[in-house]
Protein backbone atom coordinates (compact mmCIF):
# COMPACT_ATOMS: atom_id res chain seq x y z
CA MET A 1 -6.44 -19.50 8.26
CA ALA A 2 -8.43 -16.63 9.73
CA LYS A 3 -11.90 -16.07 8.38
CA ARG A 4 -12.71 -12.74 6.82
CA PRO A 5 -15.47 -10.97 8.77
CA ASN A 6 -18.85 -10.45 7.17
CA PRO A 7 -18.76 -7.28 5.06
CA ARG A 8 -20.65 -4.32 6.47
CA THR A 9 -23.02 -2.19 4.45
CA TYR A 10 -22.03 1.41 3.77
CA ASP A 11 -24.72 2.65 6.18
CA GLU A 12 -23.36 0.34 8.89
CA VAL A 13 -19.87 1.72 8.30
CA LEU A 14 -21.13 5.32 8.61
CA SER A 15 -23.00 4.42 11.80
CA ARG A 16 -19.92 2.75 13.27
CA LEU A 17 -17.76 5.76 12.37
CA GLY A 18 -20.24 8.03 14.14
CA ASN A 19 -20.24 5.76 17.22
CA GLU A 20 -16.43 5.89 17.33
CA LYS A 21 -16.47 9.71 17.49
CA PHE A 22 -15.54 10.37 13.85
CA ASP A 23 -17.05 13.50 12.33
CA VAL A 24 -18.96 12.41 9.24
CA SER A 25 -20.10 15.04 6.72
CA PRO A 26 -20.83 15.16 3.00
CA ALA A 27 -17.67 15.38 0.90
CA LEU A 28 -16.92 18.48 -1.11
CA GLN A 29 -18.38 17.78 -4.52
CA GLY A 30 -15.99 18.11 -7.43
CA ALA A 31 -15.39 16.66 -10.84
CA ASN A 32 -13.89 13.44 -9.43
CA ARG A 33 -16.19 12.99 -6.44
CA ALA A 34 -18.86 10.31 -6.34
CA SER A 35 -22.41 10.90 -5.22
CA GLY A 36 -22.96 9.78 -1.65
CA ALA A 37 -19.33 10.50 -0.75
CA ASN A 38 -18.54 11.48 2.82
CA ARG A 39 -15.62 13.15 4.56
CA VAL A 40 -14.68 11.49 7.84
CA SER A 41 -12.39 13.29 10.27
CA LYS A 42 -10.83 12.83 13.70
CA HIS A 43 -7.55 13.78 15.42
CA GLY A 44 -7.05 16.68 12.95
CA CYS A 45 -7.00 14.20 10.03
CA ALA A 46 -9.56 13.42 7.35
CA ALA A 47 -10.32 11.07 4.46
CA GLU A 48 -13.08 10.89 1.89
CA ILE A 49 -15.02 7.67 1.34
CA ALA A 50 -17.91 6.55 -0.85
CA PRO A 51 -19.93 3.37 -1.35
CA ALA A 52 -17.92 0.81 -3.30
CA ASP A 53 -18.97 -0.37 -6.75
CA ALA A 54 -17.32 -3.78 -6.36
CA PRO A 55 -19.37 -6.57 -4.74
CA ASP A 56 -16.49 -7.69 -2.47
CA ALA A 57 -15.91 -4.24 -0.91
CA THR A 58 -18.10 -1.88 1.09
CA VAL A 59 -16.11 1.34 1.05
CA ARG A 60 -14.09 3.06 -1.65
CA VAL A 61 -11.48 5.57 -0.51
CA LEU A 62 -11.59 8.72 -2.65
CA ALA A 63 -9.00 10.72 -0.69
CA LYS A 64 -6.47 8.85 1.46
CA PRO A 65 -6.11 9.82 5.12
CA GLY A 66 -4.07 12.95 5.70
CA TRP A 67 -3.65 15.96 7.98
CA VAL A 68 -6.10 18.80 7.29
CA LEU A 69 -4.43 22.09 6.31
CA GLY A 70 -6.65 25.02 5.39
CA GLY A 71 -9.64 22.71 4.89
CA GLU A 72 -7.72 20.54 2.42
CA ILE A 73 -6.47 16.99 3.06
CA SER A 74 -2.68 17.08 2.76
CA ARG A 75 -0.46 14.47 1.10
CA LEU A 76 2.61 13.16 2.89
CA THR A 77 5.88 13.54 0.94
CA ASP A 78 9.15 11.95 2.07
CA LYS A 79 12.23 13.86 0.91
CA GLY A 80 14.71 11.48 2.52
CA TYR A 81 15.74 13.76 5.36
CA GLN A 82 12.27 15.01 6.36
CA LYS A 83 8.60 14.28 5.72
CA PHE A 84 6.44 17.17 4.51
CA LEU A 85 2.70 17.80 4.34
CA ARG A 86 1.70 19.20 0.95
CA THR A 87 -1.55 20.71 -0.29
CA SER A 88 -2.24 22.62 -3.50
CA LYS A 89 -1.27 25.88 -1.76
CA LEU A 90 1.06 24.96 1.08
CA GLU A 91 3.94 22.71 2.18
CA ILE A 92 5.06 22.37 5.81
CA PRO A 93 7.37 19.95 7.67
CA ALA A 94 5.57 17.08 9.37
CA THR A 95 6.10 16.70 13.10
CA ALA A 96 6.10 13.46 15.06
CA ASP A 97 2.73 14.38 16.61
CA ILE A 98 1.16 14.89 13.17
CA LEU A 99 2.59 11.59 11.85
CA ASN A 100 1.27 9.79 14.94
CA ALA A 101 -2.18 11.35 14.44
CA ILE A 102 -2.28 10.28 10.76
CA HIS A 103 -1.22 6.74 11.70
CA THR A 104 -3.82 6.50 14.50
CA PHE A 105 -6.56 7.89 12.25
CA SER A 106 -5.69 5.46 9.44
CA GLU A 107 -5.75 2.45 11.78
CA GLU A 108 -9.07 3.47 13.35
CA LEU A 109 -10.61 4.09 9.91
CA LYS A 110 -9.49 0.66 8.65
CA GLU A 111 -10.92 -1.00 11.75
CA ALA A 112 -14.28 0.76 11.37
CA THR A 113 -14.59 0.05 7.64
CA GLY A 114 -13.33 -3.53 7.84
CA ALA A 115 -10.52 -2.77 5.37
CA LEU A 116 -7.48 -4.97 4.95
CA ASN A 117 -4.65 -4.05 7.32
CA LEU A 118 -1.22 -4.52 5.72
CA TYR A 119 1.89 -5.24 7.81
CA ASN A 120 4.06 -2.41 6.43
CA GLU A 121 1.31 0.15 6.98
CA ALA A 122 0.63 -1.12 10.52
CA MET A 123 4.27 -0.51 11.47
CA GLY A 124 4.07 3.24 10.89
CA THR A 125 2.97 6.05 8.61
CA THR A 126 3.66 5.53 4.92
CA SER A 127 4.20 8.45 2.55
CA ASP A 128 2.23 9.19 -0.60
CA GLN A 129 5.34 10.28 -2.50
CA TYR A 130 9.07 9.72 -2.09
CA VAL A 131 11.38 12.43 -3.44
CA TYR A 132 15.03 11.93 -2.58
CA ASP A 133 17.30 14.79 -3.64
CA ARG A 134 20.35 12.60 -4.16
CA VAL A 135 18.63 10.63 -6.94
CA LYS A 136 16.81 13.55 -8.53
CA GLY A 137 17.43 13.79 -12.26
CA ARG A 138 18.65 10.22 -12.68
CA ALA A 139 17.03 8.17 -15.38
């Protein structure tokens, strides 16, 4: 059985992200944002992280990785025939280049933070929401 690596401190994670060419800046403060939260971005994608409260984790993800549209981190929605990027103001079709960038960003972020890498997520980009029109309205 593989040993779990020694957990990094939050400052070590931020330093490592900076060394790996991530842009690290303070997160936009809102009602649900923690103090000390940071927005990390690279490849046109971003996520928001903060120090974890739990003793077994270093980083808590406040906003999952997504493509940045109009300064907002988009959510990926799968409608069965096409994936879409959705923000509070906008929805556009996702291209293969965008999906590849999100996947690459997510993998690099997990590596830098020491997060658990799950098999199904390592195989490709997973959506935040699945909305299939042929099952819409079924109970």
